[in-house]
Protein backbone atom coordinates (compact mmCIF):
# COMPACT_ATOMS: atom_id res chain seq x y z
CA MET A 1 -1.52 19.78 23.26
CA ARG A 2 -5.29 19.92 23.56
CA ARG A 3 -7.26 16.75 23.13
CA ILE A 4 -9.20 16.34 19.89
CA ALA A 5 -12.01 14.03 20.92
CA GLU A 6 -13.21 13.38 17.38
CA PHE A 7 -9.98 11.59 16.51
CA ASP A 8 -11.12 8.59 18.55
CA GLY A 9 -14.17 8.39 16.30
CA VAL A 10 -11.99 8.70 13.19
CA ARG A 11 -9.89 5.78 14.36
CA GLY A 12 -12.97 3.70 15.07
CA LEU A 13 -14.46 4.27 11.61
CA ALA A 14 -11.07 3.65 9.98
CA ALA A 15 -10.79 0.30 11.76
CA VAL A 16 -14.27 -0.68 10.56
CA ALA A 17 -13.26 0.34 7.02
CA VAL A 18 -10.22 -1.95 7.15
CA VAL A 19 -12.33 -4.90 8.28
CA ALA A 20 -14.91 -4.19 5.56
CA TYR A 21 -12.17 -3.93 2.95
CA HIS A 22 -10.71 -7.31 3.84
CA ILE A 23 -14.17 -8.92 3.65
CA PHE A 24 -15.35 -7.17 0.47
CA MET A 25 -12.01 -6.48 -1.19
CA SER A 26 -13.27 -6.58 -4.76
CA ARG A 27 -16.14 -4.24 -3.94
CA LEU A 28 -14.12 -1.67 -1.96
CA PRO A 29 -11.03 -1.06 -4.12
CA TRP A 30 -9.89 1.94 -2.03
CA GLY A 31 -10.70 0.45 1.37
CA TRP A 32 -7.01 -0.08 2.09
CA ALA A 33 -6.63 3.73 2.30
CA ALA A 34 -7.96 3.61 5.87
CA VAL A 35 -4.47 2.59 7.03
CA ASP A 36 -3.15 5.92 5.77
CA VAL A 37 -5.63 7.65 8.06
CA PHE A 38 -4.10 5.66 10.92
CA PHE A 39 -0.61 6.70 9.85
CA VAL A 40 -1.51 10.40 9.84
CA LEU A 41 -3.16 10.11 13.26
CA SER A 42 -0.17 8.25 14.66
CA GLY A 43 2.27 10.84 13.33
CA PHE A 44 0.15 13.58 14.86
CA LEU A 45 0.02 11.87 18.26
CA ILE A 46 3.71 11.06 18.47
CA THR A 47 4.91 14.44 17.24
CA GLY A 48 2.56 16.25 19.63
CA ILE A 49 3.89 14.26 22.58
CA VAL A 50 7.50 14.97 21.63
CA LEU A 51 6.88 18.69 21.11
CA GLU A 52 5.12 18.98 24.46
CA HIS A 53 7.26 16.75 26.66
CA GLY A 54 10.48 16.14 24.74
CA ARG A 55 12.60 18.41 26.94
CA SER A 56 11.47 16.81 30.18
CA PRO A 57 13.94 14.61 32.09
CA GLY A 58 13.79 10.93 31.20
CA PHE A 59 11.48 11.62 28.29
CA LEU A 60 12.71 8.93 25.91
CA TRP A 61 12.55 6.27 28.61
CA ALA A 62 8.98 7.22 29.48
CA PHE A 63 8.00 7.53 25.84
CA TYR A 64 9.19 4.09 24.81
CA MET A 65 7.86 2.41 27.94
CA ARG A 66 4.42 3.92 27.36
CA ARG A 67 4.41 2.97 23.66
CA GLY A 68 5.51 -0.54 24.57
CA LEU A 69 2.72 -0.94 27.11
CA ARG A 70 0.21 0.05 24.44
CA ILE A 71 1.51 -1.93 21.48
CA TRP A 72 3.43 -4.99 22.62
CA PRO A 73 1.16 -7.06 24.93
CA ILE A 74 -1.58 -8.17 22.53
CA TYR A 75 0.76 -8.10 19.54
CA TYR A 76 3.12 -10.63 21.11
CA LEU A 77 0.19 -12.61 22.50
CA LEU A 78 -1.25 -12.98 19.01
CA LEU A 79 2.22 -13.73 17.64
CA LEU A 80 2.61 -16.57 20.14
CA ILE A 81 -0.81 -18.01 19.32
CA MET A 82 -0.18 -17.84 15.58
CA ALA A 83 3.31 -19.33 15.94
CA VAL A 84 1.75 -22.35 17.66
CA CYS A 85 -1.35 -22.67 15.48
CA TRP A 86 -0.51 -21.24 12.09
CA VAL A 87 2.89 -20.45 10.66
CA ASP A 88 3.63 -20.84 6.96
CA ASP A 89 7.40 -20.57 7.27
CA ALA A 90 9.28 -20.52 10.59
CA GLN A 91 11.94 -18.31 9.00
CA ALA A 92 9.41 -15.47 9.12
CA ILE A 93 9.15 -15.48 12.93
CA PRO A 94 12.34 -13.46 13.65
CA TYR A 95 11.10 -10.67 11.38
CA TYR A 96 7.81 -10.45 13.25
CA LEU A 97 9.49 -10.66 16.65
CA THR A 98 11.62 -7.62 15.81
CA TYR A 99 9.08 -5.59 13.81
CA THR A 100 11.16 -5.90 10.67
CA GLN A 101 8.44 -7.30 8.42
CA ARG A 102 9.06 -6.58 4.74
CA LEU A 103 12.68 -5.58 5.46
CA PRO A 104 14.00 -7.69 2.53
CA TYR A 105 12.01 -5.46 0.19
CA TYR A 106 14.71 -2.82 0.59
CA TRP A 107 17.14 -4.91 -1.44
CA GLY A 108 14.60 -6.65 -3.65
CA GLY A 109 14.48 -9.79 -1.53
CA GLU A 110 11.55 -12.01 -0.64
CA MET A 111 9.76 -12.06 2.70
CA PRO A 112 9.06 -15.54 4.14
CA PRO A 113 5.27 -15.95 4.07
CA TRP A 114 3.06 -15.85 7.16
CA THR A 115 -0.50 -15.49 5.95
CA ALA A 116 -2.21 -14.90 9.29
CA MET A 117 0.17 -12.09 10.28
CA GLY A 118 0.58 -10.45 6.88
CA HIS A 119 -1.32 -7.32 7.91
CA THR A 120 1.19 -6.42 10.64
CA TRP A 121 3.55 -4.70 8.20
CA THR A 122 1.79 -1.50 9.29
CA LEU A 123 2.79 -2.10 12.90
CA ALA A 124 6.37 -2.74 11.84
CA MET A 125 6.47 0.62 10.07
CA GLU A 126 5.06 2.38 13.11
CA GLU A 127 7.61 0.84 15.44
CA GLN A 128 10.43 1.77 13.08
CA PHE A 129 9.06 5.31 12.86
CA TYR A 130 8.96 5.55 16.66
CA LEU A 131 12.65 4.67 16.82
CA ILE A 132 13.70 7.46 14.47
CA TRP A 133 11.22 10.32 14.61
CA PRO A 134 11.37 11.46 18.29
CA ALA A 135 15.12 12.01 18.08
CA LEU A 136 14.75 13.98 14.83
CA VAL A 137 12.06 16.20 16.36
CA LEU A 138 14.19 16.83 19.45
CA LEU A 139 17.12 17.81 17.25
CA ALA A 140 15.00 20.02 15.00
CA GLY A 141 13.09 21.77 17.78
CA LYS A 142 9.56 23.13 17.51
CA ARG A 143 10.50 25.76 14.92
CA TRP A 144 11.90 23.30 12.37
CA THR A 145 9.67 20.29 13.00
CA GLY A 146 7.13 21.43 10.39
CA PRO A 147 9.68 21.90 7.58
CA LEU A 148 11.37 18.63 8.56
CA ALA A 149 8.07 16.75 8.42
CA LEU A 150 7.17 18.26 5.06
CA ALA A 151 10.58 17.36 3.62
CA LEU A 152 10.21 13.80 4.90
CA ALA A 153 6.73 13.50 3.38
CA VAL A 154 7.87 14.73 -0.01
CA GLY A 155 10.95 12.49 0.14
CA SER A 156 8.83 9.42 0.88
CA ILE A 157 6.44 10.20 -1.99
CA LEU A 158 9.38 10.59 -4.38
CA ALA A 159 10.97 7.38 -3.08
CA ARG A 160 7.75 5.47 -3.71
CA LEU A 161 7.37 6.92 -7.19
CA ALA A 162 11.00 5.97 -7.85
CA GLY A 163 10.23 2.33 -7.07
CA PHE A 164 10.51 1.84 -3.30
CA HIS A 165 7.90 -0.62 -2.06
CA HIS A 166 4.83 0.89 -0.40
CA MET A 167 5.04 -1.55 2.52
CA ILE A 168 8.38 -0.31 3.88
CA LEU A 169 9.01 2.84 5.89
CA ALA A 170 11.02 4.63 3.21
CA GLY A 171 8.17 4.25 0.75
CA ARG A 172 5.25 4.90 3.11
CA CYS A 173 6.33 7.27 5.89
CA ASP A 174 4.63 10.27 4.26
CA GLY A 175 1.48 9.62 6.29
CA PHE A 176 3.42 9.77 9.55
CA ALA A 177 5.26 12.85 8.33
CA PHE A 178 2.06 14.65 7.37
CA GLY A 179 0.73 13.86 10.84
CA GLY A 180 3.89 15.42 12.26
CA LEU A 181 3.35 18.49 10.10
CA LEU A 182 -0.20 18.81 11.45
CA ALA A 183 1.06 18.55 15.04
CA ALA A 184 3.60 21.30 14.35
CA LEU A 185 0.90 23.53 12.87
CA VAL A 186 -1.49 23.17 15.81
CA ALA A 187 1.33 23.70 18.31
CA ASP A 188 1.30 27.44 17.55
CA ALA A 189 0.61 29.40 20.76
CA ASP A 190 -1.72 31.69 18.80
CA VAL A 191 -4.78 29.44 18.52
CA GLU A 192 -6.53 31.47 15.82
CA HIS A 193 -3.35 31.72 13.75
CA ALA A 194 -2.87 27.95 14.08
CA ARG A 195 -6.46 27.36 13.01
CA GLN A 196 -6.06 29.48 9.89
CA ARG A 197 -2.82 27.75 8.94
CA VAL A 198 -4.28 24.29 9.42
CA LEU A 199 -7.34 25.23 7.39
CA ALA A 200 -5.17 26.55 4.56
CA TRP A 201 -3.03 23.39 4.51
CA ALA A 202 -6.12 21.17 4.68
CA CYS A 203 -7.82 22.92 1.78
CA GLY A 204 -4.63 22.91 -0.30
CA ALA A 205 -4.05 19.20 0.31
CA GLY A 206 -7.69 18.47 -0.44
CA ALA A 207 -7.42 20.28 -3.76
CA ILE A 208 -4.30 18.30 -4.66
CA ALA A 209 -6.03 15.03 -3.74
CA VAL A 210 -9.06 15.89 -5.89
CA GLY A 211 -6.73 16.77 -8.78
CA LEU A 212 -4.95 13.43 -8.45
CA ILE A 213 -8.26 11.55 -8.38
CA ILE A 214 -9.38 13.33 -11.55
CA ALA A 215 -6.04 12.59 -13.21
CA LEU A 216 -6.25 8.90 -12.25
CA GLY A 217 -9.75 8.78 -13.67
CA CYS A 218 -8.64 10.40 -16.92
CA VAL A 219 -5.92 7.80 -17.50
CA GLY A 220 -8.30 4.99 -16.65
CA CYS A 221 -6.74 3.67 -13.45
CA LEU A 222 -8.86 5.25 -10.73
CA VAL A 223 -9.99 1.81 -9.58
CA ASP A 224 -7.50 -0.47 -11.32
CA SER A 225 -4.00 -0.07 -9.85
CA ASN A 226 -2.31 -1.84 -12.75
CA GLY A 227 -0.61 -0.01 -15.58
CA PRO A 228 2.16 2.61 -15.76
CA TYR A 229 0.71 4.76 -12.94
CA GLY A 230 -0.24 1.95 -10.63
CA PHE A 231 -0.60 1.73 -6.90
CA ARG A 232 2.13 4.27 -6.15
CA TRP A 233 -0.09 7.16 -7.25
CA HIS A 234 -3.05 5.64 -5.42
CA VAL A 235 -1.10 5.64 -2.16
CA THR A 236 0.06 9.21 -2.74
CA THR A 237 -3.52 10.30 -3.31
CA ALA A 238 -4.74 8.45 -0.21
CA THR A 239 -2.03 9.93 2.00
CA ILE A 240 -2.66 13.51 0.92
CA ALA A 241 -6.44 13.05 1.22
CA SER A 242 -6.01 11.52 4.69
CA PHE A 243 -3.96 14.49 5.82
CA SER A 244 -6.60 16.86 4.50
CA GLY A 245 -9.43 15.00 6.22
CA VAL A 246 -7.65 14.67 9.57
CA ALA A 247 -6.64 18.34 9.45
CA LEU A 248 -10.22 19.41 8.75
CA VAL A 249 -11.41 17.40 11.74
CA ALA A 250 -8.73 19.03 13.89
CA VAL A 251 -9.71 22.53 12.86
CA ASN A 252 -13.45 21.91 13.33
CA THR A 253 -13.37 19.98 16.61
CA GLY A 254 -16.57 20.51 18.56
CA HIS A 255 -18.58 21.53 15.50
CA ARG A 256 -22.02 19.98 15.14
CA SER A 257 -21.08 18.58 11.73
CA LEU A 258 -18.73 16.16 13.52
CA VAL A 259 -21.27 14.92 16.04
CA LEU A 260 -21.07 11.38 14.63
CA LEU A 261 -17.39 11.18 15.61
CA ARG A 262 -18.29 12.09 19.20
CA THR A 263 -21.06 9.54 19.70
CA PRO A 264 -20.26 7.02 22.46
CA PHE A 265 -20.44 3.98 20.18
CA VAL A 266 -18.09 5.40 17.56
CA VAL A 267 -15.68 6.62 20.26
CA TYR A 268 -15.77 3.13 21.78
CA LEU A 269 -14.87 1.69 18.39
CA GLY A 270 -11.84 3.97 18.54
CA SER A 271 -10.90 2.51 21.93
CA ILE A 272 -10.93 -1.05 20.61
CA SER A 273 -9.62 -0.20 17.13
CA TYR A 274 -6.16 -1.65 17.76
CA GLY A 275 -7.70 -5.00 18.64
CA LEU A 276 -10.11 -4.79 15.71
CA TYR A 277 -7.21 -4.31 13.34
CA LEU A 278 -4.96 -6.90 14.93
CA TYR A 279 -7.45 -9.76 15.22
CA GLN A 280 -9.50 -9.32 12.09
CA TYR A 281 -6.98 -10.69 9.62
CA PRO A 282 -6.31 -14.08 11.28
CA ILE A 283 -10.07 -14.53 11.68
CA LEU A 284 -10.80 -13.63 8.07
CA MET A 285 -7.98 -15.86 6.87
CA SER A 286 -9.71 -18.72 8.71
CA SER A 287 -12.88 -18.34 6.64
CA GLU A 288 -12.52 -21.78 5.06
CA ALA A 289 -12.55 -23.44 8.48
CA LEU A 290 -15.51 -21.27 9.52
CA ARG A 291 -17.41 -22.25 6.38
CA LYS A 292 -16.97 -25.93 7.16
CA LEU A 293 -17.91 -25.40 10.80
CA LEU A 294 -21.05 -23.44 9.95
CA GLY A 295 -21.91 -25.49 6.86
CA VAL A 296 -22.40 -22.39 4.72
CA GLY A 297 -20.82 -20.82 1.66
CA PRO A 298 -19.59 -17.23 1.23
CA GLY A 299 -22.42 -14.91 2.13
CA PRO A 300 -24.10 -12.90 4.90
CA ILE A 301 -23.94 -15.67 7.52
CA LEU A 302 -20.20 -16.17 7.09
CA TRP A 303 -19.47 -12.45 6.92
CA SER A 304 -21.57 -11.72 9.99
CA THR A 305 -19.82 -14.46 11.93
CA GLU A 306 -16.40 -13.10 11.01
CA VAL A 307 -17.40 -9.58 12.07
CA LEU A 308 -18.88 -10.80 15.36
CA LEU A 309 -15.80 -12.88 16.16
CA THR A 310 -13.52 -9.93 15.39
CA ALA A 311 -15.61 -7.56 17.52
CA ALA A 312 -15.80 -10.06 20.39
CA ALA A 313 -12.04 -10.62 20.35
CA ALA A 314 -11.40 -6.86 20.34
CA VAL A 315 -13.86 -6.18 23.19
CA VAL A 316 -12.48 -8.97 25.40
CA SER A 317 -8.93 -7.91 24.61
CA TRP A 318 -9.63 -4.28 25.48
CA HIS A 319 -11.30 -4.94 28.82
CA LEU A 320 -9.27 -7.91 30.06
CA ILE A 321 -5.80 -7.21 28.66
CA GLU A 322 -5.21 -3.79 27.15
CA LYS A 323 -7.06 -1.56 29.60
CA PRO A 324 -5.55 -3.12 32.76
CA ILE A 325 -2.05 -2.96 31.26
CA LEU A 326 -2.52 0.67 30.25
CA ARG A 327 -2.94 1.55 33.92
CA LEU A 328 0.76 0.80 34.29
CA LYS A 329 1.41 4.03 32.40
CA ASP A 330 0.83 5.78 35.73
CA PHE A 331 4.23 4.46 36.80
CA VAL A 332 6.03 6.07 33.84
CA PRO A 333 4.52 9.56 33.48
CA TYR A 334 6.11 12.34 31.52
CA ARG A 335 7.87 14.62 33.97
CA SER A 336 7.87 18.36 34.19
CA PRO A 337 11.19 20.10 33.44
CA HIS A 338 11.10 21.22 37.10
CA ALA A 339 11.67 17.57 38.03
CA ARG A 340 15.37 18.29 37.67
CA MET A 341 15.14 19.80 41.13
CA ARG A 342 16.00 17.03 43.53
CA GLY A 343 13.26 16.02 45.87
CA SER A 344 10.48 17.72 43.95
CA ARG A 345 7.16 15.95 44.50
CA THR A 346 5.18 18.13 42.13
CA ALA A 347 7.25 17.40 39.11
CA THR A 348 5.23 14.75 37.31
CA VAL A 349 2.56 15.52 34.78
CA GLU A 350 0.29 13.29 32.74
CA PRO A 351 -0.25 14.37 29.14
CA ILE A 352 -3.56 14.56 27.39
CA GLU A 353 -2.98 12.35 24.37
CA PRO A 354 -4.98 13.65 21.41
CA VAL A 355 -5.53 10.20 19.95
CA ALA A 356 -6.32 7.47 22.44
CA ALA A 357 -3.37 5.12 22.12
CA GLN A 358 -1.66 3.52 19.18
CA ALA A 359 -3.13 3.55 15.73
CA MET A 360 -2.38 0.21 14.09
């Protein structure tokens, strides 16, 4: 699968949007939708890897080792720090250790609170998706991956509209599934045919998203998620719009209109986006302590300090922890199918991952 450089920029801007949303929540009512962009990108990345390397020997071992190297180190480091410094209810820890946050929502139960780690429900959904999706793609094969992804997306939307919570995989996997659909579309050997198909899907999804936005505005809940239509339709709109936007970037890669997404600073934001997402919430939840330390009230000084601390934590994390650990991926490359031949020394290949590392 060819690399789509602009996706790093998309991830960087999405991470910034999440931070801004958590700071100015009342002023950015749709800021949460940035996580759906991450979900689409993640589904695209994972499905592309499986389609390209899924038949190689030892694929699942290499896949899960590489995902673990990307996701686990700073996640469990932060988990350890928060468990020592800030835990609301110790009963919550096992859920976070096993990426089963919000699991009780499936049967209408309550999740033990852990304020500083509340944002990691997105990571739990991704890890759960990684456990299930590669095997389904391998069983379906390249030909049926697209229809499978579309069916999963529609099923998730219907499940959410039927009452499933939007913070569990069953009620929010449509973003991942739409990303998988996009990966299946671009995997066509005929590049021009693939481009036309992606463009058609992107325009169709965009039209649906615009229609949903108009409908939400007509019933008076475009901004307010309360009422009979509520947040479920907001999430559906955000997911479809995210798919459309990501698909349009994919089909126009290299175009001058996307130059912002290729600028070094924005691409760098994409590199540190995982850290930006992971660290921002504990820092923002510590605003009361920061206010006392700085002797200021809510305002530009406090907000700037929170942003700078988040950025500093993400930069240090990327250069001192994440980047060195990612070099270990060299020891678990995806192997060529020819590696089945004993003694072959030319059997390992390193994929070009279209989105640099894990989304959220």
